[in-house]
Amino acid sequence: MEALIKGERKAARNFVKNSVAIILNWNLEKVKMKMLSKGFDHEQLEKMEIEYKRFLTLVVKYSNRLPISSVVDEMWHTHILFTRDYENMCKELGCFIHHEPVTTEERKQALLPEYEETLSLYRENWGEPNIDFWPPQDCVCDPEGEGNDDTGGMW
């Protein structure tokens, strides 16, 4: 039984390691080009790409139910517009990462503790988040929204 548990842990570590490599190497040039037309600048987009990929890493590593900041959400929105690319990335990761916007101020307030968890996990992995990309009390994506079930977004 202990050998089985060790094998499962090793498989989980390998899954996360492989998923992080997929995320870090995913080409987002088309996404950034689209965002340039929305008024973002190159330097800002380079930093935002890092933050978006860090968010995806947290989702794969910990939970498909983490809220995101409104700033980083801009890149997620734009990536989703490239439906084939977004779907291909999710397939490579082995899970579809659903996006559910927060639709009421009441729900946003209810999600703040979960957003704090996102920030806490960020700190554990990379140190203090840049408040330009991760402002306090700023979650905009509802991880419990319609369409998310208990499968954690697995295909």
N, C-alpha and C. Protein backbone atom coordinates (compact mmCIF):
# COMPACT_ATOMS: atom_id res chain seq x y z
N MET A 1 0.82 -1.19 0.00
CA MET A 1 0.00 0.00 0.00
C MET A 1 0.87 1.26 0.00
N GLU A 2 1.94 1.23 0.82
CA GLU A 2 2.83 2.39 0.89
C GLU A 2 3.51 2.66 -0.46
N ALA A 3 3.88 1.59 -1.15
CA ALA A 3 4.50 1.74 -2.47
C ALA A 3 3.51 2.37 -3.46
N LEU A 4 2.24 1.99 -3.34
CA LEU A 4 1.21 2.56 -4.20
C LEU A 4 1.06 4.05 -3.95
N ILE A 5 1.04 4.44 -2.69
CA ILE A 5 0.92 5.86 -2.32
C ILE A 5 2.12 6.64 -2.83
N LYS A 6 3.33 6.10 -2.66
CA LYS A 6 4.53 6.76 -3.16
C LYS A 6 4.47 6.91 -4.67
N GLY A 7 3.98 5.88 -5.36
CA GLY A 7 3.85 5.95 -6.81
C GLY A 7 2.87 7.02 -7.25
N GLU A 8 1.76 7.15 -6.51
CA GLU A 8 0.77 8.18 -6.82
C GLU A 8 1.35 9.57 -6.58
N ARG A 9 2.10 9.73 -5.50
CA ARG A 9 2.73 11.03 -5.23
C ARG A 9 3.71 11.41 -6.31
N LYS A 10 4.50 10.43 -6.74
CA LYS A 10 5.48 10.68 -7.80
C LYS A 10 4.77 11.05 -9.10
N ALA A 11 3.68 10.35 -9.42
CA ALA A 11 2.92 10.65 -10.63
C ALA A 11 2.34 12.07 -10.55
N ALA A 12 1.84 12.45 -9.38
CA ALA A 12 1.29 13.80 -9.19
C ALA A 12 2.38 14.85 -9.37
N ARG A 13 3.57 14.61 -8.79
CA ARG A 13 4.68 15.55 -8.95
C ARG A 13 5.09 15.67 -10.41
N ASN A 14 5.12 14.55 -11.12
CA ASN A 14 5.48 14.57 -12.54
C ASN A 14 4.43 15.30 -13.35
N PHE A 15 3.14 15.11 -13.02
CA PHE A 15 2.07 15.82 -13.71
C PHE A 15 2.24 17.32 -13.55
N VAL A 16 2.48 17.77 -12.33
CA VAL A 16 2.65 19.20 -12.07
C VAL A 16 3.89 19.72 -12.80
N LYS A 17 4.99 18.99 -12.71
CA LYS A 17 6.23 19.40 -13.36
C LYS A 17 6.03 19.53 -14.88
N ASN A 18 5.39 18.54 -15.48
CA ASN A 18 5.13 18.58 -16.92
C ASN A 18 4.18 19.71 -17.28
N SER A 19 3.15 19.91 -16.46
CA SER A 19 2.17 20.97 -16.72
C SER A 19 2.82 22.35 -16.63
N VAL A 20 3.66 22.55 -15.64
CA VAL A 20 4.35 23.83 -15.49
C VAL A 20 5.24 24.08 -16.71
N ALA A 21 5.91 23.05 -17.19
CA ALA A 21 6.75 23.21 -18.38
C ALA A 21 5.90 23.60 -19.59
N ILE A 22 4.73 23.00 -19.73
CA ILE A 22 3.82 23.35 -20.84
C ILE A 22 3.43 24.82 -20.73
N ILE A 23 3.04 25.24 -19.54
CA ILE A 23 2.61 26.63 -19.31
C ILE A 23 3.75 27.60 -19.63
N LEU A 24 4.92 27.35 -19.07
CA LEU A 24 6.04 28.27 -19.24
C LEU A 24 6.47 28.40 -20.70
N ASN A 25 6.30 27.32 -21.46
CA ASN A 25 6.73 27.32 -22.86
C ASN A 25 5.62 27.66 -23.84
N TRP A 26 4.40 27.89 -23.32
CA TRP A 26 3.29 28.18 -24.24
C TRP A 26 3.50 29.54 -24.89
N ASN A 27 3.35 29.58 -26.20
CA ASN A 27 3.58 30.80 -26.97
C ASN A 27 2.34 31.69 -26.93
N LEU A 28 2.48 32.86 -26.34
CA LEU A 28 1.37 33.81 -26.22
C LEU A 28 1.58 35.05 -27.09
N GLU A 29 2.40 34.94 -28.13
CA GLU A 29 2.68 36.10 -28.97
C GLU A 29 1.43 36.67 -29.63
N LYS A 30 0.54 35.79 -30.13
CA LYS A 30 -0.70 36.28 -30.75
C LYS A 30 -1.56 37.02 -29.73
N VAL A 31 -1.58 36.51 -28.53
CA VAL A 31 -2.36 37.13 -27.45
C VAL A 31 -1.80 38.53 -27.16
N LYS A 32 -0.48 38.62 -27.06
CA LYS A 32 0.14 39.92 -26.77
C LYS A 32 -0.06 40.89 -27.93
N MET A 33 -0.01 40.40 -29.16
CA MET A 33 -0.24 41.28 -30.31
C MET A 33 -1.66 41.86 -30.26
N LYS A 34 -2.61 41.02 -29.92
CA LYS A 34 -4.00 41.49 -29.81
C LYS A 34 -4.12 42.54 -28.70
N MET A 35 -3.42 42.32 -27.60
CA MET A 35 -3.49 43.25 -26.47
C MET A 35 -2.80 44.57 -26.78
N LEU A 36 -1.79 44.54 -27.64
CA LEU A 36 -1.15 45.79 -28.09
C LEU A 36 -2.18 46.70 -28.76
N SER A 37 -3.09 46.09 -29.51
CA SER A 37 -4.12 46.89 -30.19
C SER A 37 -5.14 47.45 -29.22
N LYS A 38 -5.14 46.95 -27.98
CA LYS A 38 -6.04 47.46 -26.95
C LYS A 38 -5.39 48.54 -26.10
N GLY A 39 -4.15 48.90 -26.43
CA GLY A 39 -3.49 49.99 -25.71
C GLY A 39 -2.45 49.58 -24.69
N PHE A 40 -2.21 48.29 -24.52
CA PHE A 40 -1.15 47.85 -23.61
C PHE A 40 0.19 48.05 -24.29
N ASP A 41 1.26 48.25 -23.51
CA ASP A 41 2.59 48.39 -24.12
C ASP A 41 3.39 47.10 -23.95
N HIS A 42 4.47 46.99 -24.73
CA HIS A 42 5.29 45.77 -24.75
C HIS A 42 5.79 45.38 -23.37
N GLU A 43 6.34 46.34 -22.64
CA GLU A 43 6.90 46.04 -21.32
C GLU A 43 5.83 45.52 -20.37
N GLN A 44 4.69 46.17 -20.38
CA GLN A 44 3.59 45.74 -19.52
C GLN A 44 3.12 44.33 -19.89
N LEU A 45 3.08 44.04 -21.18
CA LEU A 45 2.62 42.72 -21.63
C LEU A 45 3.62 41.62 -21.29
N GLU A 46 4.90 41.93 -21.35
CA GLU A 46 5.90 40.93 -20.96
C GLU A 46 5.71 40.54 -19.49
N LYS A 47 5.49 41.54 -18.65
CA LYS A 47 5.27 41.28 -17.22
C LYS A 47 3.94 40.57 -17.00
N MET A 48 2.90 40.98 -17.73
CA MET A 48 1.59 40.36 -17.58
C MET A 48 1.62 38.90 -18.00
N GLU A 49 2.40 38.58 -19.03
CA GLU A 49 2.53 37.18 -19.46
C GLU A 49 3.09 36.33 -18.32
N ILE A 50 4.08 36.84 -17.65
CA ILE A 50 4.65 36.11 -16.50
C ILE A 50 3.58 35.89 -15.44
N GLU A 51 2.82 36.93 -15.14
CA GLU A 51 1.80 36.81 -14.10
C GLU A 51 0.67 35.87 -14.51
N TYR A 52 0.27 35.91 -15.76
CA TYR A 52 -0.76 34.99 -16.26
C TYR A 52 -0.28 33.55 -16.17
N LYS A 53 0.95 33.31 -16.57
CA LYS A 53 1.50 31.95 -16.50
C LYS A 53 1.67 31.50 -15.06
N ARG A 54 1.97 32.42 -14.16
CA ARG A 54 2.03 32.07 -12.74
C ARG A 54 0.64 31.69 -12.23
N PHE A 55 -0.38 32.43 -12.65
CA PHE A 55 -1.74 32.08 -12.26
C PHE A 55 -2.10 30.68 -12.76
N LEU A 56 -1.82 30.40 -14.02
CA LEU A 56 -2.11 29.07 -14.57
C LEU A 56 -1.36 27.99 -13.81
N THR A 57 -0.13 28.28 -13.42
CA THR A 57 0.65 27.33 -12.63
C THR A 57 -0.03 27.06 -11.29
N LEU A 58 -0.52 28.09 -10.64
CA LEU A 58 -1.24 27.90 -9.37
C LEU A 58 -2.48 27.04 -9.57
N VAL A 59 -3.20 27.30 -10.65
CA VAL A 59 -4.42 26.54 -10.94
C VAL A 59 -4.10 25.06 -11.11
N VAL A 60 -3.06 24.76 -11.88
CA VAL A 60 -2.69 23.36 -12.12
C VAL A 60 -2.13 22.71 -10.85
N LYS A 61 -1.36 23.46 -10.11
CA LYS A 61 -0.69 22.93 -8.92
C LYS A 61 -1.64 22.72 -7.74
N TYR A 62 -2.58 23.64 -7.58
CA TYR A 62 -3.39 23.62 -6.36
C TYR A 62 -4.88 23.41 -6.58
N SER A 63 -5.45 24.11 -7.53
CA SER A 63 -6.90 24.05 -7.68
C SER A 63 -7.34 24.76 -8.94
N ASN A 64 -8.34 24.18 -9.58
CA ASN A 64 -8.93 24.82 -10.75
C ASN A 64 -9.96 25.85 -10.30
N ARG A 65 -9.96 26.23 -9.05
CA ARG A 65 -10.98 27.10 -8.49
C ARG A 65 -10.38 28.31 -7.77
N LEU A 66 -9.37 28.89 -8.36
CA LEU A 66 -8.75 30.07 -7.76
C LEU A 66 -9.20 31.34 -8.47
N PRO A 67 -9.61 32.36 -7.72
CA PRO A 67 -9.94 33.64 -8.36
C PRO A 67 -8.67 34.34 -8.86
N ILE A 68 -8.85 35.17 -9.88
CA ILE A 68 -7.75 35.91 -10.51
C ILE A 68 -8.00 37.41 -10.35
N SER A 69 -6.96 38.20 -10.48
CA SER A 69 -7.12 39.66 -10.41
C SER A 69 -7.69 40.19 -11.72
N SER A 70 -8.28 41.37 -11.65
CA SER A 70 -8.85 41.98 -12.86
C SER A 70 -7.77 42.30 -13.88
N VAL A 71 -6.57 42.62 -13.43
CA VAL A 71 -5.48 42.99 -14.35
C VAL A 71 -5.02 41.77 -15.14
N VAL A 72 -4.70 40.70 -14.45
CA VAL A 72 -4.21 39.48 -15.12
C VAL A 72 -5.34 38.84 -15.93
N ASP A 73 -6.56 39.04 -15.48
CA ASP A 73 -7.73 38.52 -16.19
C ASP A 73 -7.82 39.07 -17.62
N GLU A 74 -7.29 40.26 -17.85
CA GLU A 74 -7.29 40.83 -19.21
C GLU A 74 -6.56 39.91 -20.19
N MET A 75 -5.45 39.33 -19.76
CA MET A 75 -4.71 38.43 -20.64
C MET A 75 -5.47 37.11 -20.79
N TRP A 76 -6.08 36.65 -19.71
CA TRP A 76 -6.86 35.41 -19.80
C TRP A 76 -8.01 35.60 -20.79
N HIS A 77 -8.72 36.72 -20.69
CA HIS A 77 -9.82 37.01 -21.63
C HIS A 77 -9.32 36.98 -23.06
N THR A 78 -8.20 37.62 -23.29
CA THR A 78 -7.68 37.70 -24.65
C THR A 78 -7.23 36.33 -25.13
N HIS A 79 -6.62 35.54 -24.25
CA HIS A 79 -6.20 34.20 -24.64
C HIS A 79 -7.41 33.35 -25.03
N ILE A 80 -8.49 33.47 -24.27
CA ILE A 80 -9.69 32.69 -24.56
C ILE A 80 -10.27 33.04 -25.94
N LEU A 81 -10.05 34.27 -26.40
CA LEU A 81 -10.52 34.67 -27.74
C LEU A 81 -9.89 33.81 -28.83
N PHE A 82 -8.68 33.35 -28.59
CA PHE A 82 -8.00 32.44 -29.51
C PHE A 82 -8.41 31.02 -29.12
N THR A 83 -9.65 30.67 -29.44
CA THR A 83 -10.28 29.47 -28.89
C THR A 83 -9.49 28.19 -29.15
N ARG A 84 -8.99 28.03 -30.34
CA ARG A 84 -8.25 26.80 -30.64
C ARG A 84 -6.97 26.70 -29.82
N ASP A 85 -6.26 27.82 -29.73
CA ASP A 85 -5.02 27.84 -28.96
C ASP A 85 -5.31 27.57 -27.48
N TYR A 86 -6.33 28.22 -26.95
CA TYR A 86 -6.68 28.03 -25.54
C TYR A 86 -7.10 26.57 -25.28
N GLU A 87 -7.93 26.03 -26.18
CA GLU A 87 -8.35 24.64 -26.03
C GLU A 87 -7.15 23.70 -26.11
N ASN A 88 -6.24 23.96 -27.05
CA ASN A 88 -5.05 23.10 -27.19
C ASN A 88 -4.19 23.15 -25.94
N MET A 89 -4.02 24.35 -25.36
CA MET A 89 -3.24 24.45 -24.13
C MET A 89 -3.91 23.63 -23.02
N CYS A 90 -5.22 23.78 -22.88
CA CYS A 90 -5.93 23.05 -21.83
C CYS A 90 -5.82 21.54 -22.04
N LYS A 91 -5.92 21.11 -23.29
CA LYS A 91 -5.77 19.67 -23.57
C LYS A 91 -4.38 19.19 -23.20
N GLU A 92 -3.37 19.99 -23.54
CA GLU A 92 -2.00 19.64 -23.17
C GLU A 92 -1.85 19.52 -21.65
N LEU A 93 -2.56 20.41 -20.94
CA LEU A 93 -2.49 20.39 -19.48
C LEU A 93 -3.31 19.26 -18.87
N GLY A 94 -4.25 18.72 -19.64
CA GLY A 94 -5.09 17.64 -19.12
C GLY A 94 -6.32 18.12 -18.38
N CYS A 95 -6.57 19.42 -18.42
CA CYS A 95 -7.76 19.96 -17.76
C CYS A 95 -8.19 21.24 -18.45
N PHE A 96 -9.51 21.42 -18.52
CA PHE A 96 -10.01 22.67 -19.10
C PHE A 96 -10.17 23.67 -17.97
N ILE A 97 -9.56 24.82 -18.11
CA ILE A 97 -9.62 25.85 -17.08
C ILE A 97 -10.76 26.79 -17.45
N HIS A 98 -11.87 26.62 -16.76
CA HIS A 98 -13.06 27.41 -17.04
C HIS A 98 -12.92 28.83 -16.51
N HIS A 99 -13.62 29.73 -17.15
CA HIS A 99 -13.64 31.14 -16.73
C HIS A 99 -15.08 31.53 -16.45
N GLU A 100 -15.36 31.96 -15.25
CA GLU A 100 -16.69 32.44 -14.87
C GLU A 100 -16.52 33.82 -14.25
N PRO A 101 -17.01 34.86 -14.91
CA PRO A 101 -16.86 36.20 -14.32
C PRO A 101 -17.73 36.39 -13.09
N VAL A 102 -17.26 37.22 -12.19
CA VAL A 102 -18.06 37.62 -11.03
C VAL A 102 -19.12 38.59 -11.56
N THR A 103 -20.37 38.32 -11.25
CA THR A 103 -21.45 39.12 -11.83
C THR A 103 -22.10 40.09 -10.86
N THR A 104 -21.81 39.96 -9.57
CA THR A 104 -22.40 40.89 -8.60
C THR A 104 -21.35 41.32 -7.59
N GLU A 105 -21.53 42.48 -7.01
CA GLU A 105 -20.63 42.96 -5.97
C GLU A 105 -20.70 42.05 -4.74
N GLU A 106 -21.88 41.53 -4.45
CA GLU A 106 -22.05 40.62 -3.32
C GLU A 106 -21.19 39.37 -3.49
N ARG A 107 -21.20 38.79 -4.70
CA ARG A 107 -20.38 37.60 -4.96
C ARG A 107 -18.90 37.95 -4.88
N LYS A 108 -18.51 39.11 -5.38
CA LYS A 108 -17.12 39.53 -5.31
C LYS A 108 -16.66 39.60 -3.86
N GLN A 109 -17.46 40.18 -3.01
CA GLN A 109 -17.11 40.28 -1.59
C GLN A 109 -16.99 38.89 -0.97
N ALA A 110 -17.88 37.98 -1.36
CA ALA A 110 -17.84 36.62 -0.83
C ALA A 110 -16.59 35.87 -1.28
N LEU A 111 -16.03 36.25 -2.44
CA LEU A 111 -14.84 35.58 -2.98
C LEU A 111 -13.52 36.12 -2.44
N LEU A 112 -13.57 37.24 -1.74
CA LEU A 112 -12.32 37.85 -1.27
C LEU A 112 -11.44 36.91 -0.45
N PRO A 113 -11.99 36.10 0.46
CA PRO A 113 -11.11 35.15 1.17
C PRO A 113 -10.41 34.16 0.22
N GLU A 114 -11.11 33.74 -0.83
CA GLU A 114 -10.49 32.83 -1.80
C GLU A 114 -9.42 33.55 -2.62
N TYR A 115 -9.67 34.81 -2.94
CA TYR A 115 -8.65 35.61 -3.64
C TYR A 115 -7.42 35.76 -2.75
N GLU A 116 -7.64 35.95 -1.46
CA GLU A 116 -6.51 36.01 -0.52
C GLU A 116 -5.72 34.71 -0.55
N GLU A 117 -6.42 33.59 -0.73
CA GLU A 117 -5.74 32.29 -0.85
C GLU A 117 -4.88 32.25 -2.13
N THR A 118 -5.40 32.81 -3.21
CA THR A 118 -4.60 32.91 -4.44
C THR A 118 -3.32 33.68 -4.15
N LEU A 119 -3.46 34.82 -3.48
CA LEU A 119 -2.28 35.64 -3.16
C LEU A 119 -1.33 34.92 -2.21
N SER A 120 -1.88 34.18 -1.26
CA SER A 120 -1.04 33.42 -0.33
C SER A 120 -0.24 32.34 -1.06
N LEU A 121 -0.89 31.62 -1.96
CA LEU A 121 -0.19 30.60 -2.75
C LEU A 121 0.86 31.24 -3.65
N TYR A 122 0.55 32.40 -4.18
CA TYR A 122 1.52 33.15 -4.99
C TYR A 122 2.76 33.44 -4.14
N ARG A 123 2.55 33.95 -2.93
CA ARG A 123 3.68 34.27 -2.04
C ARG A 123 4.54 33.05 -1.75
N GLU A 124 3.89 31.91 -1.52
CA GLU A 124 4.62 30.68 -1.24
C GLU A 124 5.53 30.28 -2.40
N ASN A 125 5.11 30.59 -3.62
CA ASN A 125 5.86 30.16 -4.80
C ASN A 125 6.83 31.19 -5.33
N TRP A 126 6.49 32.49 -5.28
CA TRP A 126 7.32 33.50 -5.93
C TRP A 126 7.57 34.74 -5.08
N GLY A 127 7.15 34.75 -3.85
CA GLY A 127 7.31 35.94 -3.02
C GLY A 127 6.13 36.88 -3.16
N GLU A 128 6.33 38.09 -2.72
CA GLU A 128 5.25 39.08 -2.70
C GLU A 128 4.77 39.40 -4.12
N PRO A 129 3.45 39.32 -4.37
CA PRO A 129 2.96 39.65 -5.71
C PRO A 129 3.06 41.14 -6.01
N ASN A 130 3.29 41.45 -7.26
CA ASN A 130 3.35 42.83 -7.72
C ASN A 130 1.94 43.41 -7.68
N ILE A 131 1.72 44.46 -6.88
CA ILE A 131 0.36 44.99 -6.72
C ILE A 131 -0.16 45.65 -8.00
N ASP A 132 0.72 45.94 -8.95
CA ASP A 132 0.24 46.44 -10.24
C ASP A 132 -0.57 45.37 -10.97
N PHE A 133 -0.26 44.10 -10.69
CA PHE A 133 -0.95 42.99 -11.34
C PHE A 133 -1.88 42.24 -10.39
N TRP A 134 -1.60 42.33 -9.10
CA TRP A 134 -2.37 41.61 -8.09
C TRP A 134 -2.82 42.56 -6.98
N PRO A 135 -3.68 43.53 -7.30
CA PRO A 135 -4.14 44.46 -6.27
C PRO A 135 -4.92 43.72 -5.18
N PRO A 136 -4.84 44.20 -3.95
CA PRO A 136 -5.63 43.57 -2.90
C PRO A 136 -7.13 43.73 -3.17
N GLN A 137 -7.88 42.74 -2.78
CA GLN A 137 -9.35 42.77 -2.87
C GLN A 137 -9.84 43.05 -4.29
N ASP A 138 -9.30 42.33 -5.27
CA ASP A 138 -9.58 42.63 -6.67
C ASP A 138 -10.01 41.43 -7.50
N CYS A 139 -10.52 40.37 -6.91
CA CYS A 139 -10.84 39.18 -7.71
C CYS A 139 -12.00 39.45 -8.66
N VAL A 140 -11.93 38.86 -9.84
CA VAL A 140 -12.98 39.05 -10.84
C VAL A 140 -13.47 37.75 -11.46
N CYS A 141 -12.85 36.66 -11.16
CA CYS A 141 -13.26 35.40 -11.76
C CYS A 141 -13.84 34.51 -10.67
N ASP A 142 -15.02 33.97 -10.92
CA ASP A 142 -15.73 33.18 -9.93
C ASP A 142 -15.42 31.70 -10.13
N PRO A 143 -14.58 31.12 -9.27
CA PRO A 143 -14.22 29.72 -9.46
C PRO A 143 -15.36 28.76 -9.18
N GLU A 144 -16.41 29.22 -8.55
CA GLU A 144 -17.55 28.37 -8.24
C GLU A 144 -18.72 28.63 -9.19
N GLY A 145 -18.49 29.36 -10.25
CA GLY A 145 -19.56 29.74 -11.16
C GLY A 145 -20.22 28.56 -11.85
N GLU A 146 -21.29 28.84 -12.54
CA GLU A 146 -22.00 27.79 -13.27
C GLU A 146 -21.05 27.13 -14.25
N GLY A 147 -21.20 25.84 -14.38
CA GLY A 147 -20.37 25.11 -15.34
C GLY A 147 -19.16 24.47 -14.68
N ASN A 148 -18.79 24.90 -13.48
CA ASN A 148 -17.71 24.23 -12.76
C ASN A 148 -18.31 23.18 -11.86
N ASP A 149 -17.89 21.97 -12.07
CA ASP A 149 -18.41 20.89 -11.24
C ASP A 149 -17.29 20.35 -10.37
N ASP A 150 -17.53 19.24 -9.71
CA ASP A 150 -16.55 18.69 -8.77
C ASP A 150 -15.39 17.99 -9.46
N THR A 151 -15.34 17.99 -10.78
CA THR A 151 -14.25 17.31 -11.47
C THR A 151 -12.99 18.13 -11.49
N GLY A 152 -13.06 19.39 -11.05
CA GLY A 152 -11.88 20.24 -11.09
C GLY A 152 -11.50 20.61 -12.50
N GLY A 153 -12.44 20.49 -13.44
CA GLY A 153 -12.18 20.91 -14.80
C GLY A 153 -11.47 19.88 -15.65
N MET A 154 -11.35 18.66 -15.19
CA MET A 154 -10.67 17.63 -15.98
C MET A 154 -11.49 17.30 -17.21
N TRP A 155 -10.83 16.92 -18.28
CA TRP A 155 -11.52 16.58 -19.53
C TRP A 155 -12.37 15.37 -19.32
